[in-house]
Amino acid sequence: MLKTDPSPLSQTIIALKNGDRSAFERVYNSFGPKLYAFTKKLVRNKEDADEIVQEVFLKIWERRHFLDPEQNFDGYLFRIARNLVYNKAKHQVYEVAYSKYLIGNKSVADNDTEESIYYQDLNHIVEEAYTALPPVRKQVFVMSRIEGLSNSEIADRLHTSNSNIENHINKALRDIRLKLKGYKLIHFVILTFFSSF
């Protein structure tokens, strides 16, 4: 079988992988506009979209040694962007939850310093909770809530049934609720974050 020559994009990715800055610029100029359009549809804010696009390409440069010239580069870029949008949305949800909590608890608002420290720790606590899940349950949870895949897509990838995926997600949410039991803000986080993605 004859071996085909690498496509122009593959050649550019190979050069980028080897640290060629001009290759990086070509990738940025080629993919930047459509990545911005994709991101802006998700965040609906020019400044946030710009920031996320810049961060995507920063990650591409930092991780250039791990690039695979044969992979779907468009899909790889969009996946990074979607995860960054997700993380930004997650932090915004925490801010909304915290604001709601303060509005309903004037005594807490009067002691803002202590509660701000509590709030800052919340993100770390939540991440610890889901990273402590059993391997398969964690994988399903990440694919669903972090990567944004539907139950059907996850089932196809893991070669299992939709009901099995739903069962894993429900158990993951149960485990996370138990892990976070007793934290004052957690009912807001569960309702507005874990049940929304």
C-alpha atoms as a PDB file:
ATOM      1  CA  MET A   1       0.000   0.000   0.000  1.00  0.00           C
ATOM      2  CA  LEU A   2       1.332   3.426  -0.919  1.00  0.00           C
ATOM      3  CA  LYS A   3       1.807   5.822   1.967  1.00  0.00           C
ATOM      4  CA  THR A   4       0.081   9.151   1.370  1.00  0.00           C
ATOM      5  CA  ASP A   5       1.847  12.396   2.136  1.00  0.00           C
ATOM      6  CA  PRO A   6       0.672  14.334   5.199  1.00  0.00           C
ATOM      7  CA  SER A   7      -2.004  16.934   4.526  1.00  0.00           C
ATOM      8  CA  PRO A   8      -1.022  20.622   4.738  1.00  0.00           C
ATOM      9  CA  LEU A   9      -2.736  20.836   8.137  1.00  0.00           C
ATOM     10  CA  SER A  10      -0.890  17.753   9.396  1.00  0.00           C
ATOM     11  CA  GLN A  11       2.387  19.260   8.234  1.00  0.00           C
ATOM     12  CA  THR A  12       1.561  22.466  10.098  1.00  0.00           C
ATOM     13  CA  ILE A  13       0.694  20.527  13.257  1.00  0.00           C
ATOM     14  CA  ILE A  14       3.977  18.611  13.018  1.00  0.00           C
ATOM     15  CA  ALA A  15       5.851  21.916  12.724  1.00  0.00           C
ATOM     16  CA  LEU A  16       3.890  23.355  15.647  1.00  0.00           C
ATOM     17  CA  LYS A  17       4.646  20.272  17.703  1.00  0.00           C
ATOM     18  CA  ASN A  18       8.341  20.945  17.079  1.00  0.00           C
ATOM     19  CA  GLY A  19       8.009  24.507  18.370  1.00  0.00           C
ATOM     20  CA  ASP A  20       7.685  26.390  15.077  1.00  0.00           C
ATOM     21  CA  ARG A  21       6.133  29.754  15.991  1.00  0.00           C
ATOM     22  CA  SER A  22       5.162  30.541  12.401  1.00  0.00           C
ATOM     23  CA  ALA A  23       3.179  27.285  12.353  1.00  0.00           C
ATOM     24  CA  PHE A  24       1.460  28.387  15.547  1.00  0.00           C
ATOM     25  CA  GLU A  25       0.554  31.702  13.907  1.00  0.00           C
ATOM     26  CA  ARG A  26      -0.866  29.882  10.888  1.00  0.00           C
ATOM     27  CA  VAL A  27      -3.003  27.719  13.129  1.00  0.00           C
ATOM     28  CA  TYR A  28      -4.175  30.773  15.071  1.00  0.00           C
ATOM     29  CA  ASN A  29      -5.052  32.708  11.918  1.00  0.00           C
ATOM     30  CA  SER A  30      -6.799  29.713  10.373  1.00  0.00           C
ATOM     31  CA  PHE A  31      -8.830  28.512  13.357  1.00  0.00           C
ATOM     32  CA  GLY A  32      -9.111  31.634  15.521  1.00  0.00           C
ATOM     33  CA  PRO A  33     -12.111  33.263  13.788  1.00  0.00           C
ATOM     34  CA  LYS A  34     -14.342  30.182  13.744  1.00  0.00           C
ATOM     35  CA  LEU A  35     -13.307  29.269  17.293  1.00  0.00           C
ATOM     36  CA  TYR A  36     -14.297  32.779  18.372  1.00  0.00           C
ATOM     37  CA  ALA A  37     -17.664  32.446  16.596  1.00  0.00           C
ATOM     38  CA  PHE A  38     -18.240  29.068  18.270  1.00  0.00           C
ATOM     39  CA  THR A  39     -17.309  30.407  21.708  1.00  0.00           C
ATOM     40  CA  LYS A  40     -19.350  33.598  21.402  1.00  0.00           C
ATOM     41  CA  LYS A  41     -22.484  31.540  20.735  1.00  0.00           C
ATOM     42  CA  LEU A  42     -21.896  29.836  24.074  1.00  0.00           C
ATOM     43  CA  VAL A  43     -20.947  32.806  26.257  1.00  0.00           C
ATOM     44  CA  ARG A  44     -22.804  35.608  24.368  1.00  0.00           C
ATOM     45  CA  ASN A  45     -20.146  38.102  25.418  1.00  0.00           C
ATOM     46  CA  LYS A  46     -17.330  39.438  23.228  1.00  0.00           C
ATOM     47  CA  GLU A  47     -14.843  39.954  26.047  1.00  0.00           C
ATOM     48  CA  ASP A  48     -15.394  36.477  27.511  1.00  0.00           C
ATOM     49  CA  ALA A  49     -15.190  34.900  24.051  1.00  0.00           C
ATOM     50  CA  ASP A  50     -11.908  36.698  23.330  1.00  0.00           C
ATOM     51  CA  GLU A  51     -10.478  35.610  26.667  1.00  0.00           C
ATOM     52  CA  ILE A  52     -11.438  31.971  26.128  1.00  0.00           C
ATOM     53  CA  VAL A  53     -10.013  31.880  22.587  1.00  0.00           C
ATOM     54  CA  GLN A  54      -6.714  33.293  23.867  1.00  0.00           C
ATOM     55  CA  GLU A  55      -6.647  30.683  26.617  1.00  0.00           C
ATOM     56  CA  VAL A  56      -7.361  27.877  24.135  1.00  0.00           C
ATOM     57  CA  PHE A  57      -4.373  28.825  22.008  1.00  0.00           C
ATOM     58  CA  LEU A  58      -2.194  29.285  25.076  1.00  0.00           C
ATOM     59  CA  LYS A  59      -3.038  25.708  26.056  1.00  0.00           C
ATOM     60  CA  ILE A  60      -2.300  24.540  22.503  1.00  0.00           C
ATOM     61  CA  TRP A  61       1.150  26.105  22.673  1.00  0.00           C
ATOM     62  CA  GLU A  62       1.863  24.797  26.166  1.00  0.00           C
ATOM     63  CA  ARG A  63       0.758  21.275  25.182  1.00  0.00           C
ATOM     64  CA  ARG A  64       2.160  21.310  21.648  1.00  0.00           C
ATOM     65  CA  HIS A  65       4.429  18.323  22.357  1.00  0.00           C
ATOM     66  CA  PHE A  66       1.329  16.151  22.835  1.00  0.00           C
ATOM     67  CA  LEU A  67      -0.411  17.125  19.587  1.00  0.00           C
ATOM     68  CA  ASP A  68      -1.330  14.303  17.230  1.00  0.00           C
ATOM     69  CA  PRO A  69      -1.159  15.371  13.555  1.00  0.00           C
ATOM     70  CA  GLU A  70      -3.653  12.634  12.692  1.00  0.00           C
ATOM     71  CA  GLN A  71      -6.356  13.673  15.154  1.00  0.00           C
ATOM     72  CA  ASN A  72      -9.345  15.883  14.378  1.00  0.00           C
ATOM     73  CA  PHE A  73      -7.769  19.229  15.223  1.00  0.00           C
ATOM     74  CA  ASP A  74     -11.037  21.186  14.896  1.00  0.00           C
ATOM     75  CA  GLY A  75     -12.698  18.874  17.374  1.00  0.00           C
ATOM     76  CA  TYR A  76      -9.745  19.130  19.738  1.00  0.00           C
ATOM     77  CA  LEU A  77      -9.865  22.951  19.730  1.00  0.00           C
ATOM     78  CA  PHE A  78     -13.622  23.083  20.209  1.00  0.00           C
ATOM     79  CA  ARG A  79     -13.456  20.557  23.043  1.00  0.00           C
ATOM     80  CA  ILE A  80     -10.908  22.708  24.894  1.00  0.00           C
ATOM     81  CA  ALA A  81     -13.067  25.799  24.321  1.00  0.00           C
ATOM     82  CA  ARG A  82     -16.211  24.057  25.525  1.00  0.00           C
ATOM     83  CA  ASN A  83     -14.469  22.877  28.695  1.00  0.00           C
ATOM     84  CA  LEU A  84     -13.208  26.402  29.381  1.00  0.00           C
ATOM     85  CA  VAL A  85     -16.721  27.772  28.871  1.00  0.00           C
ATOM     86  CA  TYR A  86     -18.015  25.093  31.226  1.00  0.00           C
ATOM     87  CA  ASN A  87     -15.482  26.016  33.905  1.00  0.00           C
ATOM     88  CA  LYS A  88     -16.351  29.703  33.569  1.00  0.00           C
ATOM     89  CA  ALA A  89     -20.054  28.902  33.857  1.00  0.00           C
ATOM     90  CA  LYS A  90     -19.383  26.749  36.896  1.00  0.00           C
ATOM     91  CA  HIS A  91     -17.676  29.607  38.724  1.00  0.00           C
ATOM     92  CA  GLN A  92     -20.497  31.961  37.759  1.00  0.00           C
ATOM     93  CA  VAL A  93     -22.974  29.487  39.231  1.00  0.00           C
ATOM     94  CA  TYR A  94     -21.044  29.514  42.493  1.00  0.00           C
ATOM     95  CA  GLU A  95     -21.166  33.326  42.503  1.00  0.00           C
ATOM     96  CA  VAL A  96     -24.942  33.288  41.954  1.00  0.00           C
ATOM     97  CA  ALA A  97     -25.385  30.681  44.687  1.00  0.00           C
ATOM     98  CA  TYR A  98     -23.290  32.737  47.066  1.00  0.00           C
ATOM     99  CA  SER A  99     -25.242  35.926  46.273  1.00  0.00           C
ATOM    100  CA  LYS A 100     -28.561  34.158  46.856  1.00  0.00           C
ATOM    101  CA  TYR A 101     -27.264  32.800  50.122  1.00  0.00           C
ATOM    102  CA  LEU A 102     -26.150  36.258  51.317  1.00  0.00           C
ATOM    103  CA  ILE A 103     -29.466  37.846  50.303  1.00  0.00           C
ATOM    104  CA  GLY A 104     -31.344  35.315  52.409  1.00  0.00           C
ATOM    105  CA  ASN A 105     -28.943  35.532  55.358  1.00  0.00           C
ATOM    106  CA  LYS A 106     -28.272  39.102  56.497  1.00  0.00           C
ATOM    107  CA  SER A 107     -26.157  37.966  59.450  1.00  0.00           C
ATOM    108  CA  VAL A 108     -23.891  36.149  57.019  1.00  0.00           C
ATOM    109  CA  ALA A 109     -23.583  39.238  54.830  1.00  0.00           C
ATOM    110  CA  ASP A 110     -22.498  41.198  57.913  1.00  0.00           C
ATOM    111  CA  ASN A 111     -19.663  38.711  58.425  1.00  0.00           C
ATOM    112  CA  ASP A 112     -18.478  38.749  54.822  1.00  0.00           C
ATOM    113  CA  THR A 113     -14.781  38.003  55.380  1.00  0.00           C
ATOM    114  CA  GLU A 114     -15.329  34.630  56.999  1.00  0.00           C
ATOM    115  CA  GLU A 115     -17.959  33.634  54.466  1.00  0.00           C
ATOM    116  CA  SER A 116     -15.790  34.740  51.557  1.00  0.00           C
ATOM    117  CA  ILE A 117     -13.128  32.305  52.718  1.00  0.00           C
ATOM    118  CA  TYR A 118     -15.822  29.638  52.949  1.00  0.00           C
ATOM    119  CA  TYR A 119     -16.947  30.451  49.418  1.00  0.00           C
ATOM    120  CA  GLN A 120     -13.400  30.319  48.052  1.00  0.00           C
ATOM    121  CA  ASP A 121     -13.016  26.829  49.495  1.00  0.00           C
ATOM    122  CA  LEU A 122     -16.273  25.591  47.968  1.00  0.00           C
ATOM    123  CA  ASN A 123     -14.920  25.077  44.461  1.00  0.00           C
ATOM    124  CA  HIS A 124     -12.055  22.969  45.799  1.00  0.00           C
ATOM    125  CA  ILE A 125     -14.444  20.927  47.954  1.00  0.00           C
ATOM    126  CA  VAL A 126     -16.760  20.185  45.027  1.00  0.00           C
ATOM    127  CA  GLU A 127     -13.865  19.111  42.804  1.00  0.00           C
ATOM    128  CA  GLU A 128     -12.573  16.827  45.555  1.00  0.00           C
ATOM    129  CA  ALA A 129     -16.034  15.300  45.849  1.00  0.00           C
ATOM    130  CA  TYR A 130     -16.331  14.239  42.224  1.00  0.00           C
ATOM    131  CA  THR A 131     -12.691  13.200  41.822  1.00  0.00           C
ATOM    132  CA  ALA A 132     -13.214  10.769  44.717  1.00  0.00           C
ATOM    133  CA  LEU A 133     -15.910   8.864  42.792  1.00  0.00           C
ATOM    134  CA  PRO A 134     -15.233   5.255  41.725  1.00  0.00           C
ATOM    135  CA  PRO A 135     -13.407   5.177  38.341  1.00  0.00           C
ATOM    136  CA  VAL A 136     -16.311   4.265  36.038  1.00  0.00           C
ATOM    137  CA  ARG A 137     -18.775   6.502  37.868  1.00  0.00           C
ATOM    138  CA  LYS A 138     -16.298   9.380  37.717  1.00  0.00           C
ATOM    139  CA  GLN A 139     -15.703   8.776  33.995  1.00  0.00           C
ATOM    140  CA  VAL A 140     -19.430   8.892  33.258  1.00  0.00           C
ATOM    141  CA  PHE A 141     -19.915  11.965  35.448  1.00  0.00           C
ATOM    142  CA  VAL A 142     -17.075  13.857  33.748  1.00  0.00           C
ATOM    143  CA  MET A 143     -18.317  12.926  30.282  1.00  0.00           C
ATOM    144  CA  SER A 144     -21.820  14.101  31.203  1.00  0.00           C
ATOM    145  CA  ARG A 145     -21.289  17.188  33.352  1.00  0.00           C
ATOM    146  CA  ILE A 146     -17.869  18.371  32.195  1.00  0.00           C
ATOM    147  CA  GLU A 147     -17.608  17.299  28.554  1.00  0.00           C
ATOM    148  CA  GLY A 148     -21.315  17.945  27.988  1.00  0.00           C
ATOM    149  CA  LEU A 149     -22.101  14.630  26.288  1.00  0.00           C
ATOM    150  CA  SER A 150     -25.637  13.269  26.242  1.00  0.00           C
ATOM    151  CA  ASN A 151     -26.480   9.950  27.886  1.00  0.00           C
ATOM    152  CA  SER A 152     -26.806   8.369  24.429  1.00  0.00           C
ATOM    153  CA  GLU A 153     -23.372   9.612  23.356  1.00  0.00           C
ATOM    154  CA  ILE A 154     -21.792   8.293  26.548  1.00  0.00           C
ATOM    155  CA  ALA A 155     -23.566   4.950  26.165  1.00  0.00           C
ATOM    156  CA  ASP A 156     -22.268   4.633  22.590  1.00  0.00           C
ATOM    157  CA  ARG A 157     -18.704   5.413  23.627  1.00  0.00           C
ATOM    158  CA  LEU A 158     -18.741   3.033  26.583  1.00  0.00           C
ATOM    159  CA  HIS A 159     -20.743   0.337  24.764  1.00  0.00           C
ATOM    160  CA  THR A 160     -23.489   0.186  27.356  1.00  0.00           C
ATOM    161  CA  SER A 161     -27.156   1.165  27.754  1.00  0.00           C
ATOM    162  CA  ASN A 162     -28.687   4.580  28.400  1.00  0.00           C
ATOM    163  CA  SER A 163     -30.259   3.283  31.601  1.00  0.00           C
ATOM    164  CA  ASN A 164     -26.862   2.159  32.864  1.00  0.00           C
ATOM    165  CA  ILE A 165     -25.420   5.623  32.180  1.00  0.00           C
ATOM    166  CA  GLU A 166     -28.351   7.294  33.942  1.00  0.00           C
ATOM    167  CA  ASN A 167     -27.822   4.980  36.896  1.00  0.00           C
ATOM    168  CA  HIS A 168     -24.133   5.955  37.127  1.00  0.00           C
ATOM    169  CA  ILE A 169     -24.995   9.678  37.000  1.00  0.00           C
ATOM    170  CA  ASN A 170     -27.670   9.364  39.687  1.00  0.00           C
ATOM    171  CA  LYS A 171     -25.269   7.465  41.934  1.00  0.00           C
ATOM    172  CA  ALA A 172     -22.549  10.043  41.291  1.00  0.00           C
ATOM    173  CA  LEU A 173     -24.893  12.876  42.304  1.00  0.00           C
ATOM    174  CA  ARG A 174     -25.924  10.928  45.390  1.00  0.00           C
ATOM    175  CA  ASP A 175     -22.287  10.347  46.376  1.00  0.00           C
ATOM    176  CA  ILE A 176     -21.443  14.021  45.847  1.00  0.00           C
ATOM    177  CA  ARG A 177     -24.422  15.153  47.934  1.00  0.00           C
ATOM    178  CA  LEU A 178     -23.328  12.873  50.764  1.00  0.00           C
ATOM    179  CA  LYS A 179     -19.748  14.116  50.509  1.00  0.00           C
ATOM    180  CA  LEU A 180     -20.896  17.737  50.699  1.00  0.00           C
ATOM    181  CA  LYS A 181     -23.563  17.224  53.343  1.00  0.00           C
ATOM    182  CA  GLY A 182     -23.445  19.977  55.931  1.00  0.00           C
ATOM    183  CA  TYR A 183     -22.026  22.715  53.724  1.00  0.00           C
ATOM    184  CA  LYS A 184     -24.385  25.683  53.892  1.00  0.00           C
ATOM    185  CA  LEU A 185     -24.269  26.595  50.193  1.00  0.00           C
ATOM    186  CA  ILE A 186     -24.420  23.125  48.778  1.00  0.00           C
ATOM    187  CA  HIS A 187     -28.183  23.012  48.075  1.00  0.00           C
ATOM    188  CA  PHE A 188     -27.720  25.953  45.702  1.00  0.00           C
ATOM    189  CA  VAL A 189     -24.768  24.277  44.010  1.00  0.00           C
ATOM    190  CA  ILE A 190     -26.603  20.988  43.550  1.00  0.00           C
ATOM    191  CA  LEU A 191     -29.729  22.657  42.148  1.00  0.00           C
ATOM    192  CA  THR A 192     -28.027  25.182  39.890  1.00  0.00           C
ATOM    193  CA  PHE A 193     -24.923  23.293  38.821  1.00  0.00           C
ATOM    194  CA  PHE A 194     -25.027  19.519  39.076  1.00  0.00           C
ATOM    195  CA  SER A 195     -28.633  19.249  37.905  1.00  0.00           C
ATOM    196  CA  SER A 196     -28.225  21.736  35.058  1.00  0.00           C
ATOM    197  CA  PHE A 197     -25.528  20.198  32.816  1.00  0.00           C
END
